[in-house]
Amino acid sequence: MSFKISINIADALHNRVLTLSSDRRIELIRGIQKLRGSRLIAFVTSDRPNLSIQIAADTPRLFYDHLMDIKEKIPRLDLFLYSAGGEASVPWRLVSLFREFADEFNVLIPYRAYSAATMIALGADSIVMGRKAELGPIDPTVGNEFNPRDPTNKRRILGISVEDVTSYINLVKDKVGLVHQPEISQAFDSLAKKVHPLALGYVNRHYSFIRMVAAKLLSSHKKPPSESAVEEIVRNLVERIYFHGHGIGRKEARQLMLRVVEPSAQLEELMWELYLQYEEALHLTSVFNPEDVLDAVRADEHVLRDVEGAFVDSELHAHVFRSDVKVRARRAVPPNVSLSMNLQIPAAQLPSGLSPQQMQQLQQLIQQLVQDQLRRQSPVVGFEARAANVRWEKVR
């Protein structure tokens, strides 16, 4: 009884903390809206190490719930954005949706907005960047069934960076000095022997798609840039930044011809505090370590329930991305060990009234205990975590 009461108290306290955090986020959203004269939606996805969530195709539907009460176009819609990226097909769908509801669409970036999140920012009439704000290159990393497999985990498909492929060709031509077509063809044939030709074809198709979408996003502005400016911006973000993890601050973003706006001191303070609310809720400053989880419960397997991974928040509504995370230790159990036990216990030593069926159950129990002990004594060779019961929940 006391154990159940303590658990209920802990759950109640946890729910109370979540409620207070949600209330504070609403206050901050209202404060930014008042300062900006806008309607604000916050979109945050976790980039916590080993537990990150990507922008996916299910997100545009969520935003519609936050916008459907708008009957006529509003003057200004702002998107508060923090994400490491995701599917390249989503930015155009989101920006097109936002343009249906507002004359002006802007993005507010307190910290990181990489890859697909940078593409969303390209579709904004202005990008409000705080002092710590960072954009990133939009060169994609792609994967399909023809990609190479991870040699340590054959179920895992390795991604191929578009720029890695083009950089290989440039290395052959510019650094190695192979300039004749037969030599270049031979170098490409060597690549095709390592990477399936259809995977390389998919890389090229995705490269063309990224360039097309980025140009469409820039051209969707209320006052779109010139064609030459669009081409220059796309080339800069796709080809001329040679490391996908490079963070583009607001000074460099201006040099890349992006429409960057610096927030006022008051706005930046509100933006940063709102980010800190999400940082705390998603535990972004700590690495998710399956080994720590299992050590805490002293078991080889454990399930973390309702782990939060993303938010779509506005003044009126809130969606939370939740999943159950199943954590397991992988042990090197000897593959050919087979236990077969036949306990021969004199009848006189058996407890009175023990039937043959009960004796068989006892034997099976002992065998299972021995097998469990053998498994527990086998060395741990790794840990794995996988998500189950993945869903978006509307909580307000």
Protein backbone atom coordinates (compact mmCIF):
# COMPACT_ATOMS: atom_id res chain seq x y z
CA MET A 1 0.00 0.00 0.00
CA SER A 2 2.72 2.49 0.96
CA PHE A 3 4.60 1.74 -2.28
CA LYS A 4 1.53 2.53 -4.38
CA ILE A 5 0.94 5.75 -2.46
CA SER A 6 4.53 6.91 -3.02
CA ILE A 7 4.25 6.20 -6.74
CA ASN A 8 1.00 8.12 -6.97
CA ILE A 9 2.55 11.09 -5.16
CA ALA A 10 5.54 11.02 -7.53
CA ASP A 11 3.23 10.89 -10.56
CA ALA A 12 1.17 13.76 -9.19
CA LEU A 13 4.28 15.88 -8.61
CA HIS A 14 5.58 15.07 -12.11
CA ASN A 15 2.25 16.03 -13.70
CA ARG A 16 2.23 19.24 -11.65
CA VAL A 17 5.69 20.16 -12.93
CA LEU A 18 4.57 19.49 -16.51
CA THR A 19 1.51 21.69 -16.00
CA LEU A 20 3.59 24.55 -14.58
CA SER A 21 6.04 24.26 -17.48
CA SER A 22 3.22 24.28 -20.02
CA ASP A 23 1.63 27.33 -18.35
CA ARG A 24 4.94 29.20 -18.50
CA ARG A 25 5.35 28.36 -22.19
CA ILE A 26 1.91 29.80 -22.88
CA GLU A 27 2.86 32.99 -21.03
CA LEU A 28 6.04 33.32 -23.08
CA ILE A 29 4.21 32.65 -26.35
CA ARG A 30 1.70 35.37 -25.46
CA GLY A 31 4.52 37.75 -24.58
CA ILE A 32 6.24 37.21 -27.94
CA GLN A 33 2.94 37.58 -29.79
CA LYS A 34 2.23 40.89 -28.07
CA LEU A 35 5.72 42.20 -28.78
CA ARG A 36 5.66 41.10 -32.42
CA GLY A 37 1.98 41.76 -33.20
CA SER A 38 1.79 38.22 -34.54
CA ARG A 39 0.36 34.75 -34.10
CA LEU A 40 3.09 32.39 -32.85
CA ILE A 41 3.50 28.63 -33.11
CA ALA A 42 6.47 26.90 -31.48
CA PHE A 43 7.94 23.80 -33.15
CA VAL A 44 10.69 22.00 -31.23
CA THR A 45 12.18 18.55 -31.89
CA SER A 46 14.72 16.85 -29.64
CA ASP A 47 18.33 16.56 -30.76
CA ARG A 48 19.32 14.82 -27.53
CA PRO A 49 22.22 12.44 -28.24
CA ASN A 50 20.92 8.86 -28.78
CA LEU A 51 17.31 10.06 -28.52
CA SER A 52 16.74 12.56 -31.31
CA ILE A 53 13.48 13.16 -33.19
CA GLN A 54 13.38 14.35 -36.79
CA ILE A 55 10.94 16.57 -38.63
CA ALA A 56 8.63 14.07 -40.35
CA ALA A 57 5.72 13.96 -42.77
CA ASP A 58 3.13 13.80 -39.97
CA THR A 59 3.82 17.36 -38.76
CA PRO A 60 1.84 19.51 -41.27
CA ARG A 61 -1.43 17.95 -40.10
CA LEU A 62 -0.65 19.01 -36.52
CA PHE A 63 -0.11 22.63 -37.52
CA TYR A 64 -3.51 22.74 -39.16
CA ASP A 65 -5.10 22.21 -35.72
CA HIS A 66 -3.27 25.33 -34.53
CA LEU A 67 -4.42 27.39 -37.53
CA MET A 68 -7.92 26.19 -38.37
CA ASP A 69 -9.66 28.85 -36.24
CA ILE A 70 -8.24 31.53 -38.58
CA LYS A 71 -11.09 32.43 -40.96
CA GLU A 72 -9.35 35.17 -42.90
CA LYS A 73 -5.66 35.75 -43.50
CA ILE A 74 -3.86 37.34 -40.57
CA PRO A 75 -1.15 39.99 -41.08
CA ARG A 76 1.74 38.05 -39.50
CA LEU A 77 2.48 34.45 -38.52
CA ASP A 78 5.67 33.56 -36.64
CA LEU A 79 7.23 30.12 -36.20
CA PHE A 80 9.50 29.59 -33.19
CA LEU A 81 11.85 26.85 -34.42
CA TYR A 82 14.42 24.50 -32.91
CA SER A 83 15.38 21.29 -34.71
CA ALA A 84 18.31 19.35 -36.15
CA GLY A 85 16.32 18.64 -39.30
CA GLY A 86 14.48 15.77 -40.91
CA GLU A 87 12.63 14.91 -44.11
CA ALA A 88 13.36 17.28 -46.99
CA SER A 89 9.79 16.97 -48.32
CA VAL A 90 8.27 18.65 -45.24
CA PRO A 91 9.54 22.29 -45.43
CA TRP A 92 7.65 23.15 -48.61
CA ARG A 93 4.45 21.58 -47.26
CA LEU A 94 4.71 23.57 -44.03
CA VAL A 95 5.57 26.89 -45.64
CA SER A 96 2.77 26.49 -48.20
CA LEU A 97 0.34 25.86 -45.33
CA PHE A 98 1.53 28.93 -43.41
CA ARG A 99 1.14 31.11 -46.52
CA GLU A 100 -2.53 30.08 -46.73
CA PHE A 101 -3.21 31.69 -43.35
CA ALA A 102 -0.96 34.75 -43.21
CA ASP A 103 0.20 37.61 -45.41
CA GLU A 104 3.63 37.52 -43.78
CA PHE A 105 5.47 34.48 -42.45
CA ASN A 106 8.60 34.71 -40.28
CA VAL A 107 10.83 32.31 -38.38
CA LEU A 108 12.25 32.96 -34.89
CA ILE A 109 15.43 31.02 -34.13
CA PRO A 110 16.81 31.08 -30.57
CA TYR A 111 19.50 28.46 -31.11
CA ARG A 112 19.74 25.63 -33.68
CA ALA A 113 17.77 25.17 -36.89
CA TYR A 114 19.67 22.78 -39.14
CA SER A 115 19.10 21.00 -42.43
CA ALA A 116 15.31 20.72 -43.05
CA ALA A 117 14.76 23.36 -40.35
CA THR A 118 17.06 25.70 -42.31
CA MET A 119 14.93 25.00 -45.38
CA ILE A 120 11.82 26.07 -43.46
CA ALA A 121 13.65 29.30 -42.59
CA LEU A 122 14.40 29.85 -46.29
CA GLY A 123 10.66 30.13 -46.86
CA ALA A 124 10.26 32.92 -44.29
CA ASP A 125 10.00 36.61 -45.17
CA SER A 126 12.49 37.26 -42.38
CA ILE A 127 14.64 35.09 -40.12
CA VAL A 128 14.80 36.49 -36.59
CA MET A 129 18.09 35.18 -35.20
CA GLY A 130 19.25 35.61 -31.63
CA ARG A 131 22.92 35.90 -30.73
CA LYS A 132 23.24 32.12 -30.29
CA ALA A 133 21.14 31.24 -33.35
CA GLU A 134 22.57 28.91 -35.97
CA LEU A 135 21.43 27.72 -39.38
CA GLY A 136 23.12 24.93 -41.32
CA PRO A 137 23.86 23.65 -44.82
CA ILE A 138 21.05 21.92 -46.68
CA ASP A 139 23.12 19.30 -48.48
CA PRO A 140 21.11 16.13 -47.87
CA THR A 141 22.09 12.72 -46.58
CA VAL A 142 19.86 10.13 -48.19
CA GLY A 143 19.16 6.44 -47.92
CA ASN A 144 17.09 3.74 -49.58
CA GLU A 145 17.18 -0.05 -49.81
CA PHE A 146 20.17 0.07 -52.19
CA ASN A 147 22.44 1.93 -49.76
CA PRO A 148 25.33 0.12 -48.05
CA ARG A 149 24.60 -1.68 -44.78
CA ASP A 150 26.31 -1.03 -41.48
CA PRO A 151 28.86 -3.87 -41.13
CA THR A 152 28.16 -4.07 -37.36
CA ASN A 153 24.38 -4.04 -37.78
CA LYS A 154 23.10 -5.35 -41.09
CA ARG A 155 19.58 -4.06 -40.40
CA ARG A 156 20.88 -0.47 -40.37
CA ILE A 157 21.18 1.34 -43.69
CA LEU A 158 24.05 3.80 -43.95
CA GLY A 159 23.19 7.24 -45.29
CA ILE A 160 25.03 8.74 -48.26
CA SER A 161 25.83 12.44 -48.27
CA VAL A 162 25.22 14.09 -51.63
CA GLU A 163 28.27 16.27 -51.13
CA ASP A 164 30.45 13.27 -50.28
CA VAL A 165 29.75 11.85 -53.74
CA THR A 166 30.48 15.12 -55.54
CA SER A 167 33.53 15.71 -53.35
CA TYR A 168 34.91 12.32 -54.39
CA ILE A 169 34.66 13.28 -58.05
CA ASN A 170 36.22 16.68 -57.32
CA LEU A 171 39.03 14.95 -55.42
CA VAL A 172 39.75 12.75 -58.42
CA LYS A 173 39.74 15.70 -60.80
CA ASP A 174 41.24 18.56 -58.78
CA LYS A 175 43.56 16.91 -56.26
CA VAL A 176 44.59 13.66 -57.95
CA GLY A 177 44.71 15.35 -61.33
CA LEU A 178 42.70 12.91 -63.40
CA VAL A 179 41.30 15.07 -66.18
CA HIS A 180 40.74 12.70 -69.08
CA GLN A 181 37.31 11.20 -69.47
CA PRO A 182 38.45 7.53 -69.41
CA GLU A 183 40.27 8.11 -66.10
CA ILE A 184 37.27 9.87 -64.56
CA SER A 185 34.99 7.08 -65.80
CA GLN A 186 37.27 4.50 -64.22
CA ALA A 187 37.19 6.37 -60.90
CA PHE A 188 33.39 6.48 -61.03
CA ASP A 189 33.28 2.76 -61.85
CA SER A 190 35.33 2.12 -58.70
CA LEU A 191 32.77 4.07 -56.67
CA ALA A 192 29.88 2.19 -58.29
CA LYS A 193 31.46 -1.12 -57.23
CA LYS A 194 31.28 -0.01 -53.60
CA VAL A 195 27.93 1.79 -53.76
CA HIS A 196 24.98 0.42 -55.74
CA PRO A 197 24.37 2.50 -58.92
CA LEU A 198 20.70 2.91 -57.99
CA ALA A 199 21.77 4.40 -54.63
CA LEU A 200 23.95 6.89 -56.52
CA GLY A 201 21.03 7.67 -58.82
CA TYR A 202 18.85 8.37 -55.78
CA VAL A 203 21.54 10.70 -54.44
CA ASN A 204 21.48 12.70 -57.67
CA ARG A 205 17.69 12.82 -57.75
CA HIS A 206 17.57 14.06 -54.14
CA TYR A 207 20.24 16.65 -54.88
CA SER A 208 18.08 18.07 -57.70
CA PHE A 209 15.01 17.97 -55.45
CA ILE A 210 16.73 19.93 -52.66
CA ARG A 211 17.83 22.64 -55.07
CA MET A 212 14.34 22.89 -56.56
CA VAL A 213 12.58 23.09 -53.18
CA ALA A 214 15.05 25.64 -51.79
CA ALA A 215 14.48 27.87 -54.83
CA LYS A 216 10.68 27.52 -54.49
CA LEU A 217 10.87 28.42 -50.79
CA LEU A 218 12.89 31.57 -51.47
CA SER A 219 10.58 32.55 -54.32
CA SER A 220 7.51 32.19 -52.06
CA HIS A 221 8.42 35.33 -50.10
CA LYS A 222 6.08 38.28 -49.99
CA LYS A 223 8.92 40.17 -51.69
CA PRO A 224 10.95 37.41 -53.35
CA PRO A 225 14.67 37.81 -54.14
CA SER A 226 15.85 38.08 -57.73
CA GLU A 227 16.47 34.89 -59.69
CA SER A 228 20.21 35.45 -59.50
CA ALA A 229 20.04 35.95 -55.72
CA VAL A 230 17.97 32.76 -55.34
CA GLU A 231 20.53 30.79 -57.34
CA GLU A 232 23.40 32.22 -55.31
CA ILE A 233 21.75 31.42 -51.96
CA VAL A 234 20.94 27.86 -53.01
CA ARG A 235 24.46 27.26 -54.31
CA ASN A 236 25.95 28.60 -51.08
CA LEU A 237 23.85 26.38 -48.81
CA VAL A 238 24.03 23.22 -50.93
CA GLU A 239 27.56 23.27 -52.36
CA ARG A 240 29.86 25.84 -50.80
CA ILE A 241 29.72 24.90 -47.13
CA TYR A 242 31.73 21.72 -47.06
CA PHE A 243 30.80 20.34 -43.65
CA HIS A 244 27.20 19.40 -42.81
CA GLY A 245 27.69 20.20 -39.12
CA HIS A 246 28.84 23.77 -39.76
CA GLY A 247 26.79 26.31 -37.78
CA ILE A 248 25.89 29.48 -39.65
CA GLY A 249 25.55 32.44 -37.30
CA ARG A 250 23.57 35.53 -38.17
CA LYS A 251 26.59 37.48 -39.47
CA GLU A 252 27.49 34.71 -41.90
CA ALA A 253 23.82 34.23 -42.77
CA ARG A 254 23.70 37.86 -43.94
CA GLN A 255 26.84 37.29 -46.00
CA LEU A 256 25.00 34.37 -47.62
CA MET A 257 22.27 36.90 -48.62
CA LEU A 258 19.62 35.62 -46.20
CA ARG A 259 17.09 38.09 -44.77
CA VAL A 260 18.23 38.10 -41.16
CA VAL A 261 16.65 40.33 -38.50
CA GLU A 262 18.15 40.87 -35.04
CA PRO A 263 15.59 40.77 -32.22
CA SER A 264 15.28 43.50 -29.65
CA ALA A 265 16.79 42.78 -26.24
CA GLN A 266 13.32 42.10 -24.82
CA LEU A 267 12.36 39.76 -27.65
CA GLU A 268 15.62 37.85 -27.45
CA GLU A 269 15.15 37.38 -23.72
CA LEU A 270 11.67 35.93 -24.26
CA MET A 271 12.90 33.70 -27.11
CA TRP A 272 15.75 32.32 -25.03
CA GLU A 273 13.58 31.65 -21.98
CA LEU A 274 11.07 29.83 -24.15
CA TYR A 275 13.89 27.71 -25.58
CA LEU A 276 15.11 26.90 -22.04
CA GLN A 277 11.63 25.62 -21.18
CA TYR A 278 11.88 23.10 -24.03
CA GLU A 279 15.51 22.32 -23.23
CA GLU A 280 14.50 21.28 -19.73
CA ALA A 281 11.41 19.35 -20.81
CA LEU A 282 13.37 17.34 -23.41
CA HIS A 283 16.58 16.98 -21.34
CA LEU A 284 18.58 18.35 -24.26
CA THR A 285 21.75 18.94 -22.25
CA SER A 286 22.14 15.28 -21.21
CA VAL A 287 23.12 12.26 -23.28
CA PHE A 288 20.61 9.41 -23.29
CA ASN A 289 22.63 6.38 -22.20
CA PRO A 290 20.88 2.97 -22.21
CA GLU A 291 23.52 1.57 -19.85
CA ASP A 292 22.65 4.17 -17.20
CA VAL A 293 18.96 3.27 -17.50
CA LEU A 294 19.64 -0.43 -16.95
CA ASP A 295 22.09 0.21 -14.12
CA ALA A 296 19.42 2.22 -12.30
CA VAL A 297 16.90 -0.65 -12.40
CA ARG A 298 19.50 -3.45 -12.16
CA ALA A 299 18.06 -5.33 -15.10
CA ASP A 300 18.95 -6.30 -18.66
CA GLU A 301 15.71 -4.89 -20.07
CA HIS A 302 13.54 -1.93 -19.20
CA VAL A 303 10.83 0.21 -20.78
CA LEU A 304 10.68 3.98 -20.29
CA ARG A 305 7.09 5.08 -20.72
CA ASP A 306 5.87 8.28 -22.40
CA VAL A 307 9.26 9.76 -23.25
CA GLU A 308 8.72 13.21 -24.77
CA GLY A 309 10.56 14.04 -27.98
CA ALA A 310 8.93 17.06 -29.64
CA PHE A 311 6.38 19.84 -29.17
CA VAL A 312 4.05 21.89 -31.33
CA ASP A 313 2.73 24.66 -29.08
CA SER A 314 0.57 27.71 -29.53
CA GLU A 315 -1.55 29.88 -27.27
CA LEU A 316 -4.65 27.73 -27.79
CA HIS A 317 -3.34 24.22 -28.49
CA ALA A 318 -0.45 21.89 -27.72
CA HIS A 319 0.78 18.63 -29.22
CA VAL A 320 3.44 16.42 -27.65
CA PHE A 321 5.35 13.63 -29.39
CA ARG A 322 5.65 10.65 -27.05
CA SER A 323 6.99 7.12 -27.27
CA ASP A 324 7.89 4.17 -25.08
CA VAL A 325 11.64 3.50 -25.25
CA LYS A 326 12.62 -0.15 -24.86
CA VAL A 327 16.18 -0.51 -23.60
CA ARG A 328 18.07 -3.82 -23.68
CA ALA A 329 21.58 -5.09 -22.97
CA ARG A 330 23.03 -7.43 -25.59
CA ARG A 331 25.07 -10.28 -24.11
CA ALA A 332 27.38 -12.77 -25.80
CA VAL A 333 25.55 -15.90 -24.68
CA PRO A 334 27.33 -19.10 -25.88
CA PRO A 335 25.32 -20.12 -28.96
CA ASN A 336 25.49 -23.90 -28.60
CA VAL A 337 24.68 -24.32 -24.92
CA SER A 338 21.61 -26.50 -24.40
CA LEU A 339 20.52 -27.39 -20.91
CA SER A 340 18.65 -30.61 -20.35
CA MET A 341 18.01 -31.49 -16.75
CA ASN A 342 16.62 -34.68 -15.30
CA LEU A 343 16.40 -34.40 -11.57
CA GLN A 344 16.39 -37.81 -9.90
CA ILE A 345 15.23 -37.11 -6.35
CA PRO A 346 14.26 -40.05 -4.14
CA ALA A 347 10.56 -40.01 -3.41
CA ALA A 348 11.29 -40.01 0.31
CA GLN A 349 13.03 -36.64 -0.01
CA LEU A 350 10.18 -35.02 -1.91
CA PRO A 351 7.71 -32.85 0.02
CA SER A 352 4.60 -34.80 0.84
CA GLY A 353 1.84 -34.49 -1.70
CA LEU A 354 4.11 -33.34 -4.59
CA SER A 355 2.60 -34.76 -7.77
CA PRO A 356 4.60 -35.79 -10.89
CA GLN A 357 3.18 -32.75 -12.71
CA GLN A 358 4.40 -30.44 -9.96
CA MET A 359 7.77 -32.18 -10.07
CA GLN A 360 8.00 -31.43 -13.81
CA GLN A 361 7.12 -27.77 -13.19
CA LEU A 362 9.80 -27.58 -10.51
CA GLN A 363 12.35 -29.04 -12.91
CA GLN A 364 11.41 -26.49 -15.61
CA LEU A 365 11.69 -23.66 -13.10
CA ILE A 366 15.17 -24.74 -12.04
CA GLN A 367 16.23 -25.06 -15.67
CA GLN A 368 14.96 -21.56 -16.44
CA LEU A 369 16.79 -20.15 -13.41
CA VAL A 370 20.05 -21.77 -14.53
CA GLN A 371 19.62 -20.42 -18.08
CA ASP A 372 18.89 -16.92 -16.76
CA GLN A 373 21.98 -17.10 -14.57
CA LEU A 374 24.09 -18.22 -17.52
CA ARG A 375 22.81 -15.32 -19.60
CA ARG A 376 23.45 -12.81 -16.82
CA GLN A 377 27.01 -14.03 -16.40
CA SER A 378 27.71 -13.70 -20.14
CA PRO A 379 29.62 -10.53 -21.09
CA VAL A 380 27.69 -7.47 -22.28
CA VAL A 381 28.65 -6.62 -25.86
CA GLY A 382 26.41 -3.62 -26.35
CA PHE A 383 23.17 -1.84 -25.63
CA GLU A 384 20.21 -0.98 -27.79
CA ALA A 385 17.18 1.26 -27.49
CA ARG A 386 14.17 1.31 -29.77
CA ALA A 387 10.95 3.27 -29.75
CA ALA A 388 7.50 1.71 -29.50
CA ASN A 389 3.98 3.11 -29.23
CA VAL A 390 5.12 6.22 -31.11
CA ARG A 391 2.44 8.93 -31.32
CA TRP A 392 1.53 12.59 -31.22
CA GLU A 393 -0.87 13.49 -28.41
CA LYS A 394 -3.01 16.60 -28.29
CA VAL A 395 -2.77 17.79 -24.68
CA ARG A 396 -4.54 21.12 -25.00
